[in-house]
Amino acid sequence: MVSAPRILVVDDNPELLTLLSSSFEEAGYLVFTAARGRTALDLAKKEKPAMAVVDVLLPDLMGFDVAEALKRLRIPFVLMSGVHKGGNASTTAISRYGALAFFEKPFDRSALLAAVRKAVPAPRRRGRASRSTWNRDRRSKKRRRPCSSRLASTCRAAR
């Protein structure tokens, strides 16, 4: 069985941390979370995630400092911020710090997930079909109700 890619999520907002963690877990990733920059760097060294999602404004370090350390560890990352906004922040995050992408809060969770999937695809989970496969299979199979003996002629005529 293929192991799930490890994702490190760093944000000091506990609600957002929980939301992102559950979203990535549902998508097939193994998630590690940190609310502080130093904790994130310790986790990055210990767990060696395939990717990190980092908030720019953290209580102990700037997310940009975390990004520099992740770059030295060769861990790709995405930056997000509710304070640093606009085209200049995005350009700086990508060109100066090497982020794969920059998201302004509030952001579209599916867009963030797509950016992570593009860099680190999650394995397909066994026993659980994707939504598109399920819909295709559902359309191809006609649902037939068993006919009761009293209405058998009506059921045959409807087929």
C-alpha atoms as a PDB file:
ATOM      1  CA  MET A   1       0.000   0.000   0.000  1.00  0.00           C
ATOM      2  CA  VAL A   2       1.261   3.467  -0.891  1.00  0.00           C
ATOM      3  CA  SER A   3       1.810   5.712   2.111  1.00  0.00           C
ATOM      4  CA  ALA A   4       0.135   9.101   2.206  1.00  0.00           C
ATOM      5  CA  PRO A   5       2.313  12.130   1.459  1.00  0.00           C
ATOM      6  CA  ARG A   6       3.098  14.229   4.527  1.00  0.00           C
ATOM      7  CA  ILE A   7       1.899  17.826   4.636  1.00  0.00           C
ATOM      8  CA  LEU A   8       2.887  20.380   7.264  1.00  0.00           C
ATOM      9  CA  VAL A   9       0.272  23.083   7.954  1.00  0.00           C
ATOM     10  CA  VAL A  10       1.395  26.128   9.952  1.00  0.00           C
ATOM     11  CA  ASP A  11      -1.068  28.744  11.230  1.00  0.00           C
ATOM     12  CA  ASP A  12      -1.705  30.341  14.610  1.00  0.00           C
ATOM     13  CA  ASN A  13      -5.491  30.359  14.050  1.00  0.00           C
ATOM     14  CA  PRO A  14      -6.743  27.088  15.608  1.00  0.00           C
ATOM     15  CA  GLU A  15      -9.991  27.047  13.602  1.00  0.00           C
ATOM     16  CA  LEU A  16      -8.203  27.437  10.276  1.00  0.00           C
ATOM     17  CA  LEU A  17      -5.586  24.892  11.317  1.00  0.00           C
ATOM     18  CA  THR A  18      -8.332  22.354  12.063  1.00  0.00           C
ATOM     19  CA  LEU A  19     -10.212  23.130   8.840  1.00  0.00           C
ATOM     20  CA  LEU A  20      -7.120  22.782   6.641  1.00  0.00           C
ATOM     21  CA  SER A  21      -5.942  19.688   8.474  1.00  0.00           C
ATOM     22  CA  SER A  22      -9.257  17.900   7.960  1.00  0.00           C
ATOM     23  CA  SER A  23      -9.409  19.004   4.299  1.00  0.00           C
ATOM     24  CA  PHE A  24      -5.953  17.614   3.558  1.00  0.00           C
ATOM     25  CA  GLU A  25      -6.653  14.400   5.487  1.00  0.00           C
ATOM     26  CA  GLU A  26      -9.867  13.863   3.505  1.00  0.00           C
ATOM     27  CA  ALA A  27      -7.830  14.352   0.327  1.00  0.00           C
ATOM     28  CA  GLY A  28      -5.467  11.541   1.348  1.00  0.00           C
ATOM     29  CA  TYR A  29      -2.570  13.353   3.034  1.00  0.00           C
ATOM     30  CA  LEU A  30      -0.955  12.697   6.399  1.00  0.00           C
ATOM     31  CA  VAL A  31      -1.047  16.086   8.135  1.00  0.00           C
ATOM     32  CA  PHE A  32       1.199  17.609  10.788  1.00  0.00           C
ATOM     33  CA  THR A  33       0.191  20.940  12.292  1.00  0.00           C
ATOM     34  CA  ALA A  34       2.007  23.713  14.098  1.00  0.00           C
ATOM     35  CA  ALA A  35       0.808  27.023  15.524  1.00  0.00           C
ATOM     36  CA  ARG A  36       4.298  28.517  15.832  1.00  0.00           C
ATOM     37  CA  GLY A  37       7.232  28.880  13.463  1.00  0.00           C
ATOM     38  CA  ARG A  38       9.835  27.164  15.639  1.00  0.00           C
ATOM     39  CA  THR A  39       7.516  24.203  16.209  1.00  0.00           C
ATOM     40  CA  ALA A  40       6.990  24.011  12.447  1.00  0.00           C
ATOM     41  CA  LEU A  41      10.723  23.915  11.791  1.00  0.00           C
ATOM     42  CA  ASP A  42      11.245  21.182  14.404  1.00  0.00           C
ATOM     43  CA  LEU A  43       8.459  19.144  12.786  1.00  0.00           C
ATOM     44  CA  ALA A  44       9.886  19.753   9.311  1.00  0.00           C
ATOM     45  CA  LYS A  45      13.278  18.410  10.367  1.00  0.00           C
ATOM     46  CA  LYS A  46      11.802  15.422  12.193  1.00  0.00           C
ATOM     47  CA  GLU A  47       8.935  14.385   9.890  1.00  0.00           C
ATOM     48  CA  LYS A  48      10.336  15.531   6.520  1.00  0.00           C
ATOM     49  CA  PRO A  49       7.019  16.539   4.915  1.00  0.00           C
ATOM     50  CA  ALA A  50       6.578  16.488   1.151  1.00  0.00           C
ATOM     51  CA  MET A  51       5.192  20.020   1.340  1.00  0.00           C
ATOM     52  CA  ALA A  52       4.220  22.796   3.760  1.00  0.00           C
ATOM     53  CA  VAL A  53       1.428  25.372   3.872  1.00  0.00           C
ATOM     54  CA  VAL A  54       2.609  28.335   5.960  1.00  0.00           C
ATOM     55  CA  ASP A  55       0.913  31.472   7.268  1.00  0.00           C
ATOM     56  CA  VAL A  56       3.067  34.584   6.926  1.00  0.00           C
ATOM     57  CA  LEU A  57       2.183  36.098  10.309  1.00  0.00           C
ATOM     58  CA  LEU A  58       3.072  33.778  13.198  1.00  0.00           C
ATOM     59  CA  PRO A  59       3.539  34.609  16.898  1.00  0.00           C
ATOM     60  CA  ASP A  60       7.249  33.775  17.186  1.00  0.00           C
ATOM     61  CA  LEU A  61       8.698  33.959  13.660  1.00  0.00           C
ATOM     62  CA  MET A  62       7.624  35.490  10.417  1.00  0.00           C
ATOM     63  CA  GLY A  63       6.358  32.933   7.909  1.00  0.00           C
ATOM     64  CA  PHE A  64       9.001  34.288   5.535  1.00  0.00           C
ATOM     65  CA  ASP A  65      11.689  33.090   7.996  1.00  0.00           C
ATOM     66  CA  VAL A  66      10.027  29.676   8.095  1.00  0.00           C
ATOM     67  CA  ALA A  67       9.964  29.728   4.283  1.00  0.00           C
ATOM     68  CA  GLU A  68      13.708  30.417   4.120  1.00  0.00           C
ATOM     69  CA  ALA A  69      14.395  27.478   6.434  1.00  0.00           C
ATOM     70  CA  LEU A  70      12.063  25.196   4.433  1.00  0.00           C
ATOM     71  CA  LYS A  71      13.877  26.200   1.269  1.00  0.00           C
ATOM     72  CA  ARG A  72      17.202  25.171   2.853  1.00  0.00           C
ATOM     73  CA  LEU A  73      15.582  21.835   3.842  1.00  0.00           C
ATOM     74  CA  ARG A  74      14.337  21.459   0.241  1.00  0.00           C
ATOM     75  CA  ILE A  75      10.711  21.300   1.297  1.00  0.00           C
ATOM     76  CA  PRO A  76       8.368  23.026  -1.156  1.00  0.00           C
ATOM     77  CA  PHE A  77       5.814  25.354   0.389  1.00  0.00           C
ATOM     78  CA  VAL A  78       2.817  27.580  -0.185  1.00  0.00           C
ATOM     79  CA  LEU A  79       2.417  30.839   1.734  1.00  0.00           C
ATOM     80  CA  MET A  80      -0.857  32.369   2.903  1.00  0.00           C
ATOM     81  CA  SER A  81      -1.690  35.625   4.635  1.00  0.00           C
ATOM     82  CA  GLY A  82      -4.585  37.722   5.819  1.00  0.00           C
ATOM     83  CA  VAL A  83      -2.371  40.775   6.353  1.00  0.00           C
ATOM     84  CA  HIS A  84       0.039  40.856   3.416  1.00  0.00           C
ATOM     85  CA  LYS A  85      -2.227  41.324   0.415  1.00  0.00           C
ATOM     86  CA  GLY A  86      -2.072  42.428  -3.175  1.00  0.00           C
ATOM     87  CA  GLY A  87      -0.011  41.582  -6.219  1.00  0.00           C
ATOM     88  CA  ASN A  88       3.210  42.777  -4.598  1.00  0.00           C
ATOM     89  CA  ALA A  89       2.859  40.318  -1.697  1.00  0.00           C
ATOM     90  CA  SER A  90       2.214  37.460  -4.100  1.00  0.00           C
ATOM     91  CA  THR A  91       5.139  38.405  -6.331  1.00  0.00           C
ATOM     92  CA  THR A  92       7.475  38.716  -3.337  1.00  0.00           C
ATOM     93  CA  ALA A  93       6.371  35.376  -1.866  1.00  0.00           C
ATOM     94  CA  ILE A  94       6.974  33.591  -5.141  1.00  0.00           C
ATOM     95  CA  SER A  95      10.053  35.330  -6.540  1.00  0.00           C
ATOM     96  CA  ARG A  96      11.985  36.222  -3.390  1.00  0.00           C
ATOM     97  CA  TYR A  97      11.086  33.329  -1.097  1.00  0.00           C
ATOM     98  CA  GLY A  98      10.424  30.584  -3.641  1.00  0.00           C
ATOM     99  CA  ALA A  99       6.838  29.775  -2.682  1.00  0.00           C
ATOM    100  CA  LEU A 100       4.937  27.604  -5.134  1.00  0.00           C
ATOM    101  CA  ALA A 101       1.901  29.826  -4.619  1.00  0.00           C
ATOM    102  CA  PHE A 102       0.538  32.600  -2.406  1.00  0.00           C
ATOM    103  CA  PHE A 103      -3.016  32.717  -1.060  1.00  0.00           C
ATOM    104  CA  GLU A 104      -4.732  35.715   0.494  1.00  0.00           C
ATOM    105  CA  LYS A 105      -7.109  34.990   3.359  1.00  0.00           C
ATOM    106  CA  PRO A 106      -9.939  34.346   3.027  1.00  0.00           C
ATOM    107  CA  PHE A 107      -9.127  31.949   0.206  1.00  0.00           C
ATOM    108  CA  ASP A 108     -10.892  29.235  -1.722  1.00  0.00           C
ATOM    109  CA  ARG A 109     -10.038  25.987   0.051  1.00  0.00           C
ATOM    110  CA  SER A 110     -10.395  23.980  -3.171  1.00  0.00           C
ATOM    111  CA  ALA A 111      -7.853  26.243  -4.910  1.00  0.00           C
ATOM    112  CA  LEU A 112      -5.357  25.672  -2.093  1.00  0.00           C
ATOM    113  CA  LEU A 113      -5.957  21.934  -2.256  1.00  0.00           C
ATOM    114  CA  ALA A 114      -5.458  22.022  -6.040  1.00  0.00           C
ATOM    115  CA  ALA A 115      -2.124  23.839  -5.617  1.00  0.00           C
ATOM    116  CA  VAL A 116      -0.970  21.232  -3.103  1.00  0.00           C
ATOM    117  CA  ARG A 117      -2.155  18.349  -5.307  1.00  0.00           C
ATOM    118  CA  LYS A 118      -0.283  19.809  -8.268  1.00  0.00           C
ATOM    119  CA  ALA A 119       2.985  19.745  -6.327  1.00  0.00           C
ATOM    120  CA  VAL A 120       2.358  16.581  -4.291  1.00  0.00           C
ATOM    121  CA  PRO A 121      -0.345  14.301  -5.679  1.00  0.00           C
ATOM    122  CA  ALA A 122      -2.215  12.255  -3.082  1.00  0.00           C
ATOM    123  CA  PRO A 123      -2.549   8.536  -3.729  1.00  0.00           C
ATOM    124  CA  ARG A 124      -5.931   7.136  -4.682  1.00  0.00           C
ATOM    125  CA  ARG A 125      -7.538   5.516  -1.712  1.00  0.00           C
ATOM    126  CA  ARG A 126      -8.641   1.926  -2.055  1.00  0.00           C
ATOM    127  CA  GLY A 127     -12.230   1.040  -1.460  1.00  0.00           C
ATOM    128  CA  ARG A 128     -13.407   4.520  -2.179  1.00  0.00           C
ATOM    129  CA  ALA A 129     -14.153   5.641  -5.708  1.00  0.00           C
ATOM    130  CA  SER A 130     -13.698   9.210  -6.720  1.00  0.00           C
ATOM    131  CA  ARG A 131     -16.840  11.253  -7.167  1.00  0.00           C
ATOM    132  CA  SER A 132     -16.501  11.304 -10.977  1.00  0.00           C
ATOM    133  CA  THR A 133     -16.101   7.510 -11.091  1.00  0.00           C
ATOM    134  CA  TRP A 134     -19.087   7.048  -8.818  1.00  0.00           C
ATOM    135  CA  ASN A 135     -21.266   9.320 -10.972  1.00  0.00           C
ATOM    136  CA  ARG A 136     -20.191   7.555 -14.172  1.00  0.00           C
ATOM    137  CA  ASP A 137     -20.941   4.140 -12.681  1.00  0.00           C
ATOM    138  CA  ARG A 138     -24.269   5.323 -11.343  1.00  0.00           C
ATOM    139  CA  ARG A 139     -25.364   6.622 -14.742  1.00  0.00           C
ATOM    140  CA  SER A 140     -24.382   3.418 -16.530  1.00  0.00           C
ATOM    141  CA  LYS A 141     -26.440   1.135 -14.286  1.00  0.00           C
ATOM    142  CA  LYS A 142     -30.170   1.343 -14.571  1.00  0.00           C
ATOM    143  CA  ARG A 143     -31.922   0.970 -11.291  1.00  0.00           C
ATOM    144  CA  ARG A 144     -34.666  -1.580 -11.466  1.00  0.00           C
ATOM    145  CA  ARG A 145     -37.092  -2.204  -8.730  1.00  0.00           C
ATOM    146  CA  PRO A 146     -38.312  -5.724  -8.284  1.00  0.00           C
ATOM    147  CA  CYS A 147     -41.867  -6.100  -9.469  1.00  0.00           C
ATOM    148  CA  SER A 148     -44.464  -7.431  -7.135  1.00  0.00           C
ATOM    149  CA  SER A 149     -46.455 -10.313  -8.572  1.00  0.00           C
ATOM    150  CA  ARG A 150     -49.619  -8.209  -8.532  1.00  0.00           C
ATOM    151  CA  LEU A 151     -48.033  -5.469 -10.688  1.00  0.00           C
ATOM    152  CA  ALA A 152     -45.749  -7.612 -12.846  1.00  0.00           C
ATOM    153  CA  SER A 153     -47.465  -6.721 -16.117  1.00  0.00           C
ATOM    154  CA  THR A 154     -47.205  -2.991 -15.319  1.00  0.00           C
ATOM    155  CA  CYS A 155     -43.512  -3.278 -14.475  1.00  0.00           C
ATOM    156  CA  ARG A 156     -42.709  -5.185 -17.685  1.00  0.00           C
ATOM    157  CA  ALA A 157     -44.536  -2.574 -19.754  1.00  0.00           C
ATOM    158  CA  ALA A 158     -42.562   0.251 -18.132  1.00  0.00           C
ATOM    159  CA  ARG A 159     -39.214  -1.338 -19.063  1.00  0.00           C
END
